[in-house]
Amino acid sequence: MATVVVLLVLLIVVLLAVLIVSRGQRSRANTQLADAKADARRVIERLGGQVYNLTGNDEPSKQALADAGERFNAAGSQIEQATTPAQARLAKETALEGLYYVRAARSAMKMDPGPDVPELDGQRSAGKVTEDRTVEFDGRRIEASADPSAQTPNYYPGGRVAGRPVPAGWYSEPWWRTALVAGAWGVGSVLLFDALFSGMSGVDYNAAAFESGYGDGYQAGLDAGDNGDQGYDSGGADQGYGDPGYGDQGYGTGDPGFTDAGLADPRSDLGGSDFGDYGDFGGFDSFDGGGI
């Protein structure tokens, strides 16, 4: 009888210990999630202040603000759906990308672009446009430039789209849009990339490395491109925001939530947003001089 009592006591002690540990883990996880969401919302709030308070005065600035508005909507939706710190960080990354569009719009309007924005995933390795370049591709005239103009009104802050690098710069059309929406590059994308950026000093990629999803700065990518090594997934590595489908973060692999902003008004889909508590961001998803 005494043995049974001892065993019961030990069992109760073990159960209590497990319960305490489990509660502690849940508490830490909840704290981490709350901290990550608060951090993301701070960036989203800053982006929202810019989107609501700026009005473009030419095509490049209007387009950049439209793209910033899309990211604002997307980030708002993501943060509301976030159930893990990783998903909250994805929402922050989306908002950071929106801030780059805001900086581009301000620069296009000859305004102070404001404080620096933290680097995006894959942005440094993607490089940037350093010279004007015009190519004929698939019956279209595609231009790239380091500066906004009537011919190059579409900005991209640089980073990875569907596992491939897209250099920062201004373009005549958002040639990466199909991959952004579909999550995969179409036939001929390698040829277009090679034609646009071959020999450009700010873009350290060759066509083979682009096809493998790597830049020249990645030795593994060069090996895959130069030696035919099939050990790497030709789809490229998903580095967080690189895949616009957000598949790795639990947001699916389809349409990332960005509408076609090519002709959208910067705030055309923001009217229904309850910005104070992020309750409604139109179905998605301040500039105060401070840091992120």
Protein backbone atom coordinates (compact mmCIF):
# COMPACT_ATOMS: atom_id res chain seq x y z
CA MET A 1 0.00 0.00 0.00
CA ALA A 2 2.80 2.37 0.90
CA THR A 3 4.41 1.66 -2.49
CA VAL A 4 1.21 2.56 -4.31
CA VAL A 5 0.96 5.84 -2.42
CA VAL A 6 4.56 6.68 -3.26
CA LEU A 7 3.97 5.93 -6.95
CA LEU A 8 0.86 8.09 -6.98
CA VAL A 9 2.75 10.96 -5.38
CA LEU A 10 5.56 10.62 -7.91
CA LEU A 11 3.03 10.56 -10.76
CA ILE A 12 1.35 13.71 -9.47
CA VAL A 13 4.73 15.44 -9.13
CA VAL A 14 5.67 14.49 -12.72
CA LEU A 15 2.34 15.70 -14.08
CA LEU A 16 2.68 18.99 -12.24
CA ALA A 17 6.20 19.42 -13.59
CA VAL A 18 5.03 18.75 -17.14
CA LEU A 19 2.16 21.21 -16.70
CA ILE A 20 4.48 23.92 -15.37
CA VAL A 21 6.98 23.42 -18.22
CA SER A 22 4.20 23.41 -20.81
CA ARG A 23 2.72 26.63 -19.44
CA GLY A 24 6.15 28.23 -19.41
CA GLN A 25 6.75 27.30 -23.05
CA ARG A 26 3.35 28.63 -24.08
CA SER A 27 4.01 31.83 -22.19
CA ARG A 28 7.38 32.33 -23.91
CA ALA A 29 5.86 31.57 -27.31
CA ASN A 30 3.04 34.04 -26.71
CA THR A 31 5.51 36.69 -25.59
CA GLN A 32 7.69 36.16 -28.66
CA LEU A 33 4.67 36.37 -30.95
CA ALA A 34 3.41 39.52 -29.24
CA ASP A 35 6.82 41.15 -29.52
CA ALA A 36 7.17 40.20 -33.19
CA LYS A 37 3.68 41.51 -33.99
CA ALA A 38 4.31 44.77 -32.14
CA ASP A 39 7.56 45.24 -34.07
CA ALA A 40 5.80 44.60 -37.39
CA ARG A 41 2.89 46.89 -36.57
CA ARG A 42 5.30 49.71 -35.82
CA VAL A 43 6.71 49.46 -39.34
CA ILE A 44 3.23 49.05 -40.85
CA GLU A 45 2.11 52.19 -39.05
CA ARG A 46 5.04 54.13 -40.42
CA LEU A 47 4.24 52.90 -43.93
CA GLY A 48 0.57 53.78 -43.55
CA GLY A 49 1.40 57.33 -42.55
CA GLN A 50 3.38 57.80 -45.73
CA VAL A 51 0.81 56.15 -48.00
CA TYR A 52 -2.00 58.34 -46.66
CA ASN A 53 -0.05 61.59 -46.60
CA LEU A 54 1.82 61.52 -49.91
CA THR A 55 0.42 62.24 -53.36
CA GLY A 56 2.46 61.57 -56.48
CA ASN A 57 3.02 64.35 -58.98
CA ASP A 58 4.24 62.28 -61.93
CA GLU A 59 3.92 58.74 -63.24
CA PRO A 60 6.95 57.25 -61.42
CA SER A 61 5.93 58.66 -58.04
CA LYS A 62 2.27 57.70 -58.50
CA GLN A 63 3.22 54.15 -59.46
CA ALA A 64 5.65 53.80 -56.55
CA LEU A 65 2.99 54.99 -54.10
CA ALA A 66 0.48 52.56 -55.61
CA ASP A 67 2.93 49.74 -54.99
CA ALA A 68 3.55 51.02 -51.47
CA GLY A 69 -0.21 50.95 -50.88
CA GLU A 70 -0.37 47.32 -51.97
CA ARG A 71 2.35 46.37 -49.53
CA PHE A 72 0.55 48.26 -46.79
CA ASN A 73 -2.61 46.27 -47.44
CA ALA A 74 -0.73 42.99 -47.66
CA ALA A 75 1.24 43.61 -44.47
CA GLY A 76 -1.95 44.50 -42.59
CA SER A 77 -3.58 41.24 -43.63
CA GLN A 78 -0.51 39.20 -42.81
CA ILE A 79 -0.12 40.62 -39.33
CA GLU A 80 -3.77 39.93 -38.53
CA GLN A 81 -3.38 36.31 -39.63
CA ALA A 82 0.03 35.77 -38.03
CA THR A 83 0.12 32.99 -35.46
CA THR A 84 3.91 32.58 -35.27
CA PRO A 85 6.83 35.01 -34.92
CA ALA A 86 8.00 33.97 -38.40
CA GLN A 87 4.70 35.06 -39.95
CA ALA A 88 4.87 38.35 -38.06
CA ARG A 89 8.37 38.92 -39.40
CA LEU A 90 7.05 38.28 -42.91
CA ALA A 91 4.48 41.04 -42.39
CA LYS A 92 7.28 43.35 -41.28
CA GLU A 93 9.31 42.45 -44.39
CA THR A 94 6.33 43.30 -46.58
CA ALA A 95 5.97 46.67 -44.85
CA LEU A 96 9.70 47.34 -45.21
CA GLU A 97 9.40 46.73 -48.93
CA GLY A 98 6.57 49.25 -48.98
CA LEU A 99 8.85 51.81 -47.32
CA TYR A 100 11.35 51.34 -50.13
CA TYR A 101 8.60 52.22 -52.59
CA VAL A 102 7.84 55.31 -50.51
CA ARG A 103 11.50 56.34 -50.63
CA ALA A 104 11.48 55.85 -54.39
CA ALA A 105 8.37 58.01 -54.74
CA ARG A 106 9.86 60.77 -52.60
CA SER A 107 13.08 60.68 -54.62
CA ALA A 108 11.10 60.85 -57.88
CA MET A 109 9.39 63.98 -56.54
CA LYS A 110 12.79 65.51 -55.62
CA MET A 111 12.02 65.19 -51.92
CA ASP A 112 14.25 63.99 -49.11
CA PRO A 113 13.77 60.19 -49.17
CA GLY A 114 13.90 60.11 -45.37
CA PRO A 115 15.76 57.77 -43.02
CA ASP A 116 17.32 54.56 -44.26
CA VAL A 117 15.27 51.38 -44.32
CA PRO A 118 16.71 48.04 -43.19
CA GLU A 119 17.93 45.81 -45.96
CA LEU A 120 15.44 43.38 -47.46
CA ASP A 121 16.06 39.66 -47.79
CA GLY A 122 18.08 39.02 -50.94
CA GLN A 123 18.36 42.71 -51.76
CA ARG A 124 22.13 43.01 -51.55
CA SER A 125 22.80 39.89 -53.60
CA ALA A 126 20.27 40.98 -56.25
CA GLY A 127 22.32 44.10 -57.03
CA LYS A 128 21.04 47.25 -58.66
CA VAL A 129 20.75 48.90 -62.04
CA THR A 130 23.72 51.21 -62.64
CA GLU A 131 23.20 52.27 -66.25
CA ASP A 132 20.47 52.81 -68.81
CA ARG A 133 19.71 49.71 -70.81
CA THR A 134 17.12 49.11 -73.57
CA VAL A 135 16.36 45.73 -75.13
CA GLU A 136 13.83 44.32 -77.54
CA PHE A 137 12.25 41.20 -76.10
CA ASP A 138 9.27 39.20 -77.28
CA GLY A 139 8.08 42.10 -79.39
CA ARG A 140 8.36 44.57 -76.50
CA ARG A 141 10.79 47.37 -75.78
CA ILE A 142 11.99 46.97 -72.20
CA GLU A 143 14.11 49.61 -70.50
CA ALA A 144 16.02 49.68 -67.23
CA SER A 145 17.51 52.70 -65.52
CA ALA A 146 18.96 53.81 -62.20
CA ASP A 147 16.66 56.87 -62.28
CA PRO A 148 12.91 57.40 -62.71
CA SER A 149 11.59 58.83 -65.95
CA ALA A 150 8.52 58.81 -68.13
CA GLN A 151 10.08 55.82 -69.92
CA THR A 152 10.93 53.96 -66.70
CA PRO A 153 8.13 54.59 -64.18
CA ASN A 154 8.12 51.17 -62.49
CA TYR A 155 10.37 50.79 -59.45
CA TYR A 156 11.57 47.63 -57.75
CA PRO A 157 13.64 47.80 -54.53
CA GLY A 158 15.63 44.67 -55.32
CA GLY A 159 15.33 41.19 -53.90
CA ARG A 160 14.21 37.73 -54.85
CA VAL A 161 11.03 36.96 -56.76
CA ALA A 162 10.06 33.30 -57.00
CA GLY A 163 13.61 32.37 -56.05
CA ARG A 164 15.31 34.58 -58.68
CA PRO A 165 17.12 37.89 -58.15
CA VAL A 166 15.57 41.11 -59.48
CA PRO A 167 17.96 44.08 -59.26
CA ALA A 168 16.82 47.35 -57.72
CA GLY A 169 16.02 50.00 -60.28
CA TRP A 170 13.45 51.67 -62.49
CA TYR A 171 11.91 49.81 -65.41
CA SER A 172 9.62 50.51 -68.34
CA GLU A 173 7.36 47.70 -67.19
CA PRO A 174 7.18 45.36 -64.19
CA TRP A 175 8.66 42.41 -66.07
CA TRP A 176 8.84 40.45 -62.79
CA ARG A 177 5.07 40.79 -62.22
CA THR A 178 4.13 37.42 -63.73
CA ALA A 179 6.53 35.58 -61.45
CA LEU A 180 5.40 37.66 -58.47
CA VAL A 181 1.78 36.61 -58.96
CA ALA A 182 2.26 33.07 -60.26
CA GLY A 183 5.19 32.17 -58.04
CA ALA A 184 7.21 30.92 -61.04
CA TRP A 185 9.14 32.42 -63.94
CA GLY A 186 7.96 31.92 -67.49
CA VAL A 187 9.83 30.72 -70.53
CA GLY A 188 12.38 33.27 -71.72
CA SER A 189 12.99 34.92 -68.35
CA VAL A 190 16.64 33.88 -68.41
CA LEU A 191 17.10 35.43 -71.85
CA LEU A 192 15.43 38.65 -70.72
CA PHE A 193 17.59 38.84 -67.62
CA ASP A 194 20.74 38.23 -69.65
CA ALA A 195 19.78 40.86 -72.23
CA LEU A 196 18.94 43.47 -69.59
CA PHE A 197 21.87 42.99 -67.24
CA SER A 198 24.71 41.27 -69.06
CA GLY A 199 27.92 43.15 -68.27
CA MET A 200 26.24 45.66 -65.93
CA SER A 201 28.59 46.50 -63.07
CA GLY A 202 25.92 46.61 -60.37
CA VAL A 203 24.47 43.19 -61.16
CA ASP A 204 26.77 40.25 -60.37
CA TYR A 205 24.86 37.56 -62.22
CA ASN A 206 25.20 35.51 -65.33
CA ALA A 207 22.31 33.83 -67.11
CA ALA A 208 23.15 30.33 -65.86
CA ALA A 209 23.34 31.50 -62.27
CA PHE A 210 20.04 33.37 -62.65
CA GLU A 211 18.40 30.21 -63.99
CA SER A 212 19.63 28.32 -60.93
CA GLY A 213 18.41 31.03 -58.57
CA TYR A 214 21.86 32.18 -57.47
CA GLY A 215 24.12 35.15 -58.03
CA ASP A 216 27.80 35.17 -58.83
CA GLY A 217 28.45 35.91 -55.17
CA TYR A 218 27.25 32.42 -54.32
CA GLN A 219 29.87 29.82 -55.23
CA ALA A 220 27.28 27.09 -55.12
CA GLY A 221 25.26 28.95 -57.72
CA LEU A 222 28.26 29.32 -59.97
CA ASP A 223 29.04 25.65 -59.64
CA ALA A 224 25.47 24.80 -60.53
CA GLY A 225 25.50 27.16 -63.51
CA ASP A 226 28.98 26.39 -64.87
CA ASN A 227 29.31 22.69 -64.17
CA GLY A 228 25.78 21.47 -64.63
CA ASP A 229 25.50 20.34 -61.05
CA GLN A 230 21.93 19.24 -60.54
CA GLY A 231 22.20 19.12 -56.79
CA TYR A 232 20.48 22.45 -56.48
CA ASP A 233 16.80 23.07 -56.99
CA SER A 234 16.46 25.05 -60.20
CA GLY A 235 13.65 26.92 -58.56
CA GLY A 236 16.13 28.66 -56.33
CA ALA A 237 16.21 29.09 -52.58
CA ASP A 238 13.25 30.68 -50.90
CA GLN A 239 14.66 33.29 -48.56
CA GLY A 240 11.63 34.47 -46.67
CA TYR A 241 10.09 37.10 -48.82
CA GLY A 242 11.77 35.92 -52.00
CA ASP A 243 8.82 33.73 -52.84
CA PRO A 244 5.86 36.11 -53.18
CA GLY A 245 3.45 33.28 -52.53
CA TYR A 246 4.63 33.18 -48.92
CA GLY A 247 4.42 29.41 -49.06
CA ASP A 248 6.96 28.85 -46.33
CA GLN A 249 5.12 31.12 -43.96
CA GLY A 250 1.72 29.52 -44.23
CA TYR A 251 0.16 31.99 -46.61
CA GLY A 252 -0.10 29.66 -49.56
CA THR A 253 1.76 29.69 -52.84
CA GLY A 254 -0.70 31.46 -55.06
CA ASP A 255 -1.50 35.10 -55.49
CA PRO A 256 0.41 36.92 -52.76
CA GLY A 257 -2.40 39.32 -52.22
CA PHE A 258 -1.00 42.05 -54.38
CA THR A 259 -3.42 43.30 -56.95
CA ASP A 260 -2.20 44.61 -60.25
CA ALA A 261 -1.02 48.04 -59.20
CA GLY A 262 0.34 48.97 -62.54
CA LEU A 263 -2.40 51.52 -63.03
CA ALA A 264 -3.82 51.75 -59.55
CA ASP A 265 -4.22 54.90 -57.57
CA PRO A 266 -1.86 54.86 -54.56
CA ARG A 267 -4.73 54.90 -52.13
CA SER A 268 -7.54 53.53 -54.28
CA ASP A 269 -7.96 50.41 -52.14
CA LEU A 270 -7.17 51.90 -48.77
CA GLY A 271 -10.37 53.72 -48.07
CA GLY A 272 -11.89 50.90 -46.07
CA SER A 273 -8.91 50.40 -43.79
CA ASP A 274 -9.32 50.73 -40.06
CA PHE A 275 -5.76 51.80 -39.50
CA GLY A 276 -6.04 52.32 -35.79
CA ASP A 277 -6.41 48.65 -34.88
CA TYR A 278 -5.54 46.96 -38.18
CA GLY A 279 -8.94 45.40 -38.25
CA ASP A 280 -9.72 45.84 -41.93
CA PHE A 281 -7.18 46.19 -44.68
CA GLY A 282 -9.38 45.87 -47.69
CA GLY A 283 -9.30 42.09 -47.87
CA PHE A 284 -5.61 41.46 -47.36
CA ASP A 285 -3.38 42.57 -46.76
CA SER A 286 4.53 57.67 -40.37
CA PHE A 287 7.02 58.92 -41.46
CA ASP A 288 8.25 60.26 -38.15
CA GLY A 289 11.93 60.42 -38.88
CA GLY A 290 12.65 57.58 -36.50
CA GLY A 291 14.32 54.30 -37.18
CA ILE A 292 12.62 51.00 -37.79
